[in-house]
Amino acid sequence: MIIEKEKIKEKIGRYAAINFIEDDMIVGVGSGTTVRYFIEALANRIKEGLKITCVATSLDTSLRLKQRRIPVIPLNYVDEIDIAIDGADSVLTQTRVLIKGGGGAHFLEKIVDYAAKRLIIIVDETKLNKTFPVPADVYPPALNIVMRKIKEIGGTPKLREVKGKLPPCISDTGNIVIDIDFPMEMITEKLEKELNAIPGIIENGIFSRSCRIIVGKLTGEIEEINL
């Protein structure tokens, strides 16, 4: 039986909140639609007595946590994060990397996710090996130079469009968000480092750190993959 995608997201959000979060943890909370279900499940556990502190990866996530009365502290208040729960736009199993940043929060997400002792990624199975552009945060005055450099290494960059306003899309940290098309086989840990070596790119959406992927299948089953 095929299960509605939103029900799958709700299931894996609840699964992460129940199976990976313990008392007294500092929890990095990512961004995106699947993580919203994790936040709801986390709020229910807190009502039952769970005691944790969260660090948010975006303004949207911070507001959602506060609305559910989940304790949130600024990133600069912590020097250690026990676990981060986040989503992904694509999980590339062949090159063993994630693509994140469809919501434009990849810069802060990477800081939190890479600082965490453990990283748990929650996705439905449609995100496995999905074709998706690589986002990048670009320092605004460097935009033209960065676009040229990206073309030189084989990428096709474009300004991200925003519904209801003219581009460019501006990230929470005040940088311009661009999306870059690369052949799938190029999207590797090496490309992550190559992009960040371009002066003017603040951060990109390729995530290469080790993590556990929680995959919600359309059949309702849950599979765990180590990446």
C-alpha atoms as a PDB file:
ATOM      1  CA  MET A   1       0.000   0.000   0.000  1.00  0.00           C
ATOM      2  CA  ILE A   2       1.325   3.457  -0.941  1.00  0.00           C
ATOM      3  CA  ILE A   3       1.186   5.983   1.900  1.00  0.00           C
ATOM      4  CA  GLU A   4       0.706   9.738   1.445  1.00  0.00           C
ATOM      5  CA  LYS A   5       4.069  11.554   1.483  1.00  0.00           C
ATOM      6  CA  GLU A   6       3.072  13.911   4.329  1.00  0.00           C
ATOM      7  CA  LYS A   7       2.187  10.912   6.493  1.00  0.00           C
ATOM      8  CA  ILE A   8       5.642   9.470   5.803  1.00  0.00           C
ATOM      9  CA  LYS A   9       7.308  12.760   6.801  1.00  0.00           C
ATOM     10  CA  GLU A  10       5.261  12.817  10.001  1.00  0.00           C
ATOM     11  CA  LYS A  11       6.257   9.228  10.794  1.00  0.00           C
ATOM     12  CA  ILE A  12      10.000   9.749  10.364  1.00  0.00           C
ATOM     13  CA  GLY A  13       9.877  13.054  12.239  1.00  0.00           C
ATOM     14  CA  ARG A  14       8.292  11.267  15.168  1.00  0.00           C
ATOM     15  CA  TYR A  15      10.742   8.357  14.806  1.00  0.00           C
ATOM     16  CA  ALA A  16      13.716  10.719  15.125  1.00  0.00           C
ATOM     17  CA  ALA A  17      12.256  12.512  18.139  1.00  0.00           C
ATOM     18  CA  ILE A  18      11.599   9.254  19.976  1.00  0.00           C
ATOM     19  CA  ASN A  19      14.688   7.242  19.068  1.00  0.00           C
ATOM     20  CA  PHE A  20      17.532   9.755  19.082  1.00  0.00           C
ATOM     21  CA  ILE A  21      16.721  12.537  21.539  1.00  0.00           C
ATOM     22  CA  GLU A  22      17.565  12.142  25.243  1.00  0.00           C
ATOM     23  CA  ASP A  23      17.443  14.319  28.348  1.00  0.00           C
ATOM     24  CA  ASP A  24      19.987  17.123  28.722  1.00  0.00           C
ATOM     25  CA  MET A  25      21.007  17.101  25.066  1.00  0.00           C
ATOM     26  CA  ILE A  26      21.840  20.196  23.068  1.00  0.00           C
ATOM     27  CA  VAL A  27      19.984  19.512  19.820  1.00  0.00           C
ATOM     28  CA  GLY A  28      20.664  21.182  16.497  1.00  0.00           C
ATOM     29  CA  VAL A  29      17.404  21.511  14.608  1.00  0.00           C
ATOM     30  CA  GLY A  30      17.518  21.818  10.833  1.00  0.00           C
ATOM     31  CA  SER A  31      15.110  23.330   8.363  1.00  0.00           C
ATOM     32  CA  GLY A  32      12.491  22.112   5.931  1.00  0.00           C
ATOM     33  CA  THR A  33       9.109  20.414   5.765  1.00  0.00           C
ATOM     34  CA  THR A  34      10.163  17.068   7.250  1.00  0.00           C
ATOM     35  CA  VAL A  35      11.908  18.742  10.187  1.00  0.00           C
ATOM     36  CA  ARG A  36       8.654  20.543  11.001  1.00  0.00           C
ATOM     37  CA  TYR A  37       7.133  17.188  11.920  1.00  0.00           C
ATOM     38  CA  PHE A  38      10.173  16.455  14.079  1.00  0.00           C
ATOM     39  CA  ILE A  39       9.564  19.744  15.914  1.00  0.00           C
ATOM     40  CA  GLU A  40       5.943  18.786  16.572  1.00  0.00           C
ATOM     41  CA  ALA A  41       6.997  15.396  17.956  1.00  0.00           C
ATOM     42  CA  LEU A  42       9.697  17.077  20.037  1.00  0.00           C
ATOM     43  CA  ALA A  43       7.124  19.442  21.550  1.00  0.00           C
ATOM     44  CA  ASN A  44       5.021  16.443  22.590  1.00  0.00           C
ATOM     45  CA  ARG A  45       8.003  14.790  24.251  1.00  0.00           C
ATOM     46  CA  ILE A  46       8.783  17.993  26.149  1.00  0.00           C
ATOM     47  CA  LYS A  47       5.208  18.049  27.436  1.00  0.00           C
ATOM     48  CA  GLU A  48       5.893  14.536  28.746  1.00  0.00           C
ATOM     49  CA  GLY A  49       8.965  15.747  30.649  1.00  0.00           C
ATOM     50  CA  LEU A  50      11.896  15.709  28.206  1.00  0.00           C
ATOM     51  CA  LYS A  51      14.500  18.353  29.064  1.00  0.00           C
ATOM     52  CA  ILE A  52      16.626  19.608  26.152  1.00  0.00           C
ATOM     53  CA  THR A  53      17.972  22.816  24.636  1.00  0.00           C
ATOM     54  CA  CYS A  54      17.858  23.502  20.896  1.00  0.00           C
ATOM     55  CA  VAL A  55      19.973  25.458  18.455  1.00  0.00           C
ATOM     56  CA  ALA A  56      18.145  26.524  15.283  1.00  0.00           C
ATOM     57  CA  THR A  57      19.612  26.620  11.769  1.00  0.00           C
ATOM     58  CA  SER A  58      17.267  29.288  10.394  1.00  0.00           C
ATOM     59  CA  LEU A  59      14.934  32.064  11.466  1.00  0.00           C
ATOM     60  CA  ASP A  60      11.988  29.920  10.345  1.00  0.00           C
ATOM     61  CA  THR A  61      13.095  27.030  12.569  1.00  0.00           C
ATOM     62  CA  SER A  62      13.763  29.338  15.519  1.00  0.00           C
ATOM     63  CA  LEU A  63      10.267  30.797  15.273  1.00  0.00           C
ATOM     64  CA  ARG A  64       8.679  27.347  15.022  1.00  0.00           C
ATOM     65  CA  LEU A  65      10.580  26.099  18.063  1.00  0.00           C
ATOM     66  CA  LYS A  66       9.557  29.158  20.097  1.00  0.00           C
ATOM     67  CA  GLN A  67       5.933  28.809  18.996  1.00  0.00           C
ATOM     68  CA  ARG A  68       5.952  25.253  20.375  1.00  0.00           C
ATOM     69  CA  ARG A  69       7.639  26.494  23.592  1.00  0.00           C
ATOM     70  CA  ILE A  70      10.790  24.485  22.965  1.00  0.00           C
ATOM     71  CA  PRO A  71      13.883  26.027  24.612  1.00  0.00           C
ATOM     72  CA  VAL A  72      16.140  27.720  22.026  1.00  0.00           C
ATOM     73  CA  ILE A  73      19.520  29.374  22.526  1.00  0.00           C
ATOM     74  CA  PRO A  74      21.647  31.309  20.004  1.00  0.00           C
ATOM     75  CA  LEU A  75      24.361  29.425  18.162  1.00  0.00           C
ATOM     76  CA  ASN A  76      27.097  31.573  19.723  1.00  0.00           C
ATOM     77  CA  TYR A  77      26.042  30.386  23.186  1.00  0.00           C
ATOM     78  CA  VAL A  78      27.253  26.827  22.554  1.00  0.00           C
ATOM     79  CA  ASP A  79      30.601  25.243  21.812  1.00  0.00           C
ATOM     80  CA  GLU A  80      29.286  21.681  21.524  1.00  0.00           C
ATOM     81  CA  ILE A  81      26.169  20.126  20.005  1.00  0.00           C
ATOM     82  CA  ASP A  82      25.204  16.578  20.968  1.00  0.00           C
ATOM     83  CA  ILE A  83      23.079  15.753  17.948  1.00  0.00           C
ATOM     84  CA  ALA A  84      21.612  17.495  14.902  1.00  0.00           C
ATOM     85  CA  ILE A  85      18.409  16.444  13.157  1.00  0.00           C
ATOM     86  CA  ASP A  86      18.040  17.795   9.654  1.00  0.00           C
ATOM     87  CA  GLY A  87      16.505  17.095   6.267  1.00  0.00           C
ATOM     88  CA  ALA A  88      18.049  17.010   2.793  1.00  0.00           C
ATOM     89  CA  ASP A  89      17.020  17.874  -0.741  1.00  0.00           C
ATOM     90  CA  SER A  90      18.953  14.928  -2.171  1.00  0.00           C
ATOM     91  CA  VAL A  91      20.907  12.012  -0.731  1.00  0.00           C
ATOM     92  CA  LEU A  92      23.470  10.872  -3.298  1.00  0.00           C
ATOM     93  CA  THR A  93      24.273   7.317  -2.279  1.00  0.00           C
ATOM     94  CA  GLN A  94      26.924   6.756  -4.979  1.00  0.00           C
ATOM     95  CA  THR A  95      29.100   9.763  -4.150  1.00  0.00           C
ATOM     96  CA  ARG A  96      28.079   9.632  -0.457  1.00  0.00           C
ATOM     97  CA  VAL A  97      27.103  13.280  -0.051  1.00  0.00           C
ATOM     98  CA  LEU A  98      23.971  15.291   0.623  1.00  0.00           C
ATOM     99  CA  ILE A  99      22.641  18.315  -1.229  1.00  0.00           C
ATOM    100  CA  LYS A 100      20.972  20.798   1.108  1.00  0.00           C
ATOM    101  CA  GLY A 101      19.857  24.393   0.846  1.00  0.00           C
ATOM    102  CA  GLY A 102      16.574  24.305  -1.040  1.00  0.00           C
ATOM    103  CA  GLY A 103      15.300  26.612   1.695  1.00  0.00           C
ATOM    104  CA  GLY A 104      18.403  28.793   1.553  1.00  0.00           C
ATOM    105  CA  ALA A 105      19.600  27.861   5.064  1.00  0.00           C
ATOM    106  CA  HIS A 106      22.599  25.709   4.070  1.00  0.00           C
ATOM    107  CA  PHE A 107      25.244  28.029   5.577  1.00  0.00           C
ATOM    108  CA  LEU A 108      23.904  27.867   9.135  1.00  0.00           C
ATOM    109  CA  GLU A 109      22.829  24.251   8.634  1.00  0.00           C
ATOM    110  CA  LYS A 110      26.389  23.292   7.781  1.00  0.00           C
ATOM    111  CA  ILE A 111      27.803  25.056  10.829  1.00  0.00           C
ATOM    112  CA  VAL A 112      25.394  23.216  13.136  1.00  0.00           C
ATOM    113  CA  ASP A 113      25.441  19.850  11.352  1.00  0.00           C
ATOM    114  CA  TYR A 114      29.230  19.685  11.140  1.00  0.00           C
ATOM    115  CA  ALA A 115      29.621  20.736  14.785  1.00  0.00           C
ATOM    116  CA  ALA A 116      27.279  18.023  16.086  1.00  0.00           C
ATOM    117  CA  LYS A 117      28.666  14.799  17.529  1.00  0.00           C
ATOM    118  CA  ARG A 118      25.999  12.918  15.546  1.00  0.00           C
ATOM    119  CA  LEU A 119      24.028  13.968  12.480  1.00  0.00           C
ATOM    120  CA  ILE A 120      20.679  12.353  11.679  1.00  0.00           C
ATOM    121  CA  ILE A 121      19.088  13.125   8.307  1.00  0.00           C
ATOM    122  CA  ILE A 122      15.366  12.448   7.882  1.00  0.00           C
ATOM    123  CA  VAL A 123      14.003  12.106   4.330  1.00  0.00           C
ATOM    124  CA  ASP A 124      11.327  10.309   2.379  1.00  0.00           C
ATOM    125  CA  GLU A 125      12.565   7.922  -0.293  1.00  0.00           C
ATOM    126  CA  THR A 126      11.889  10.364  -3.156  1.00  0.00           C
ATOM    127  CA  LYS A 127      14.988  12.268  -1.970  1.00  0.00           C
ATOM    128  CA  LEU A 128      17.348   9.370  -2.701  1.00  0.00           C
ATOM    129  CA  ASN A 129      19.564  10.230  -5.696  1.00  0.00           C
ATOM    130  CA  LYS A 130      17.269  13.079  -6.700  1.00  0.00           C
ATOM    131  CA  THR A 131      18.561  15.555  -9.286  1.00  0.00           C
ATOM    132  CA  PHE A 132      18.919  18.876  -7.480  1.00  0.00           C
ATOM    133  CA  PRO A 133      21.073  21.997  -8.033  1.00  0.00           C
ATOM    134  CA  VAL A 134      23.859  22.829  -5.591  1.00  0.00           C
ATOM    135  CA  PRO A 135      23.029  26.030  -3.673  1.00  0.00           C
ATOM    136  CA  ALA A 136      25.692  28.511  -2.640  1.00  0.00           C
ATOM    137  CA  ASP A 137      25.765  31.636  -0.477  1.00  0.00           C
ATOM    138  CA  VAL A 138      27.663  34.391  -2.275  1.00  0.00           C
ATOM    139  CA  TYR A 139      29.005  37.661  -0.895  1.00  0.00           C
ATOM    140  CA  PRO A 140      26.974  40.196  -2.960  1.00  0.00           C
ATOM    141  CA  PRO A 141      29.809  42.350  -4.420  1.00  0.00           C
ATOM    142  CA  ALA A 142      31.593  39.176  -5.620  1.00  0.00           C
ATOM    143  CA  LEU A 143      28.612  37.795  -7.539  1.00  0.00           C
ATOM    144  CA  ASN A 144      29.857  38.335 -11.111  1.00  0.00           C
ATOM    145  CA  ILE A 145      33.326  36.990 -10.341  1.00  0.00           C
ATOM    146  CA  VAL A 146      31.884  33.943  -8.593  1.00  0.00           C
ATOM    147  CA  MET A 147      29.519  33.178 -11.476  1.00  0.00           C
ATOM    148  CA  ARG A 148      32.444  33.248 -13.924  1.00  0.00           C
ATOM    149  CA  LYS A 149      34.604  30.991 -11.732  1.00  0.00           C
ATOM    150  CA  ILE A 150      31.799  28.466 -11.379  1.00  0.00           C
ATOM    151  CA  LYS A 151      31.415  28.246 -15.147  1.00  0.00           C
ATOM    152  CA  GLU A 152      35.153  27.614 -15.442  1.00  0.00           C
ATOM    153  CA  ILE A 153      34.894  24.489 -13.268  1.00  0.00           C
ATOM    154  CA  GLY A 154      31.921  23.084 -15.189  1.00  0.00           C
ATOM    155  CA  GLY A 155      28.893  24.465 -13.366  1.00  0.00           C
ATOM    156  CA  THR A 156      25.889  26.402 -14.649  1.00  0.00           C
ATOM    157  CA  PRO A 157      24.954  29.023 -12.029  1.00  0.00           C
ATOM    158  CA  LYS A 158      21.788  31.078 -11.827  1.00  0.00           C
ATOM    159  CA  LEU A 159      20.223  33.457  -9.360  1.00  0.00           C
ATOM    160  CA  ARG A 160      17.561  31.794  -7.258  1.00  0.00           C
ATOM    161  CA  GLU A 161      14.114  33.203  -7.972  1.00  0.00           C
ATOM    162  CA  VAL A 162      11.765  34.011  -5.117  1.00  0.00           C
ATOM    163  CA  LYS A 163       8.007  33.803  -5.407  1.00  0.00           C
ATOM    164  CA  GLY A 164       6.418  37.195  -4.963  1.00  0.00           C
ATOM    165  CA  LYS A 165       9.591  39.286  -5.396  1.00  0.00           C
ATOM    166  CA  LEU A 166      12.321  39.963  -7.880  1.00  0.00           C
ATOM    167  CA  PRO A 167      15.584  38.050  -7.528  1.00  0.00           C
ATOM    168  CA  PRO A 168      18.058  37.770  -5.945  1.00  0.00           C
ATOM    169  CA  CYS A 169      17.092  35.554  -3.032  1.00  0.00           C
ATOM    170  CA  ILE A 170      18.789  36.763   0.161  1.00  0.00           C
ATOM    171  CA  SER A 171      19.735  34.239   2.848  1.00  0.00           C
ATOM    172  CA  ASP A 172      19.250  34.693   6.610  1.00  0.00           C
ATOM    173  CA  THR A 173      22.894  35.799   6.778  1.00  0.00           C
ATOM    174  CA  GLY A 174      22.443  38.520   4.137  1.00  0.00           C
ATOM    175  CA  ASN A 175      24.161  36.799   1.213  1.00  0.00           C
ATOM    176  CA  ILE A 176      22.873  36.107  -2.315  1.00  0.00           C
ATOM    177  CA  VAL A 177      21.695  32.540  -2.914  1.00  0.00           C
ATOM    178  CA  ILE A 178      22.534  31.010  -6.284  1.00  0.00           C
ATOM    179  CA  ASP A 179      21.753  27.523  -7.607  1.00  0.00           C
ATOM    180  CA  ILE A 180      24.344  25.638  -9.637  1.00  0.00           C
ATOM    181  CA  ASP A 181      23.677  22.750 -12.003  1.00  0.00           C
ATOM    182  CA  PHE A 182      26.429  20.131 -12.159  1.00  0.00           C
ATOM    183  CA  PRO A 183      26.505  16.647 -13.679  1.00  0.00           C
ATOM    184  CA  MET A 184      25.504  14.245 -10.882  1.00  0.00           C
ATOM    185  CA  GLU A 185      28.879  12.479 -10.914  1.00  0.00           C
ATOM    186  CA  MET A 186      30.664  15.782 -10.156  1.00  0.00           C
ATOM    187  CA  ILE A 187      28.776  16.376  -6.910  1.00  0.00           C
ATOM    188  CA  THR A 188      31.322  15.012  -4.449  1.00  0.00           C
ATOM    189  CA  GLU A 189      33.301  15.976  -1.359  1.00  0.00           C
ATOM    190  CA  LYS A 190      35.986  17.253  -3.717  1.00  0.00           C
ATOM    191  CA  LEU A 191      33.509  19.665  -5.356  1.00  0.00           C
ATOM    192  CA  GLU A 192      32.367  20.863  -1.932  1.00  0.00           C
ATOM    193  CA  LYS A 193      35.944  21.945  -1.186  1.00  0.00           C
ATOM    194  CA  GLU A 194      36.508  23.300  -4.701  1.00  0.00           C
ATOM    195  CA  LEU A 195      33.481  25.581  -4.494  1.00  0.00           C
ATOM    196  CA  ASN A 196      34.455  26.881  -1.071  1.00  0.00           C
ATOM    197  CA  ALA A 197      37.916  27.689  -2.424  1.00  0.00           C
ATOM    198  CA  ILE A 198      36.372  30.297  -4.755  1.00  0.00           C
ATOM    199  CA  PRO A 199      36.735  33.693  -3.032  1.00  0.00           C
ATOM    200  CA  GLY A 200      33.254  35.149  -2.603  1.00  0.00           C
ATOM    201  CA  ILE A 201      31.467  31.861  -1.923  1.00  0.00           C
ATOM    202  CA  ILE A 202      30.598  31.848   1.759  1.00  0.00           C
ATOM    203  CA  GLU A 203      29.346  28.247   1.809  1.00  0.00           C
ATOM    204  CA  ASN A 204      27.750  25.690  -0.503  1.00  0.00           C
ATOM    205  CA  GLY A 205      25.074  23.037  -0.109  1.00  0.00           C
ATOM    206  CA  ILE A 206      27.172  19.874  -0.552  1.00  0.00           C
ATOM    207  CA  PHE A 207      27.433  18.080   2.811  1.00  0.00           C
ATOM    208  CA  SER A 208      30.056  15.341   3.020  1.00  0.00           C
ATOM    209  CA  ARG A 209      30.273  14.543   6.738  1.00  0.00           C
ATOM    210  CA  SER A 210      29.289  11.100   8.020  1.00  0.00           C
ATOM    211  CA  CYS A 211      25.666  10.779   9.077  1.00  0.00           C
ATOM    212  CA  ARG A 212      22.793   8.358   9.531  1.00  0.00           C
ATOM    213  CA  ILE A 213      19.969   8.651   7.035  1.00  0.00           C
ATOM    214  CA  ILE A 214      16.447   7.783   8.184  1.00  0.00           C
ATOM    215  CA  VAL A 215      14.470   6.974   5.042  1.00  0.00           C
ATOM    216  CA  GLY A 216      10.686   6.846   5.093  1.00  0.00           C
ATOM    217  CA  LYS A 217       9.448   4.572   2.314  1.00  0.00           C
ATOM    218  CA  LEU A 218       6.184   4.965   0.452  1.00  0.00           C
ATOM    219  CA  THR A 219       5.181   1.556   1.832  1.00  0.00           C
ATOM    220  CA  GLY A 220       5.369   2.949   5.375  1.00  0.00           C
ATOM    221  CA  GLU A 221       8.605   1.163   6.286  1.00  0.00           C
ATOM    222  CA  ILE A 222      11.590   2.977   7.756  1.00  0.00           C
ATOM    223  CA  GLU A 223      15.128   2.195   6.629  1.00  0.00           C
ATOM    224  CA  GLU A 224      18.367   3.448   8.203  1.00  0.00           C
ATOM    225  CA  ILE A 225      21.437   4.045   6.017  1.00  0.00           C
ATOM    226  CA  ASN A 226      24.917   5.089   7.122  1.00  0.00           C
ATOM    227  CA  LEU A 227      26.486   7.632   4.770  1.00  0.00           C
END
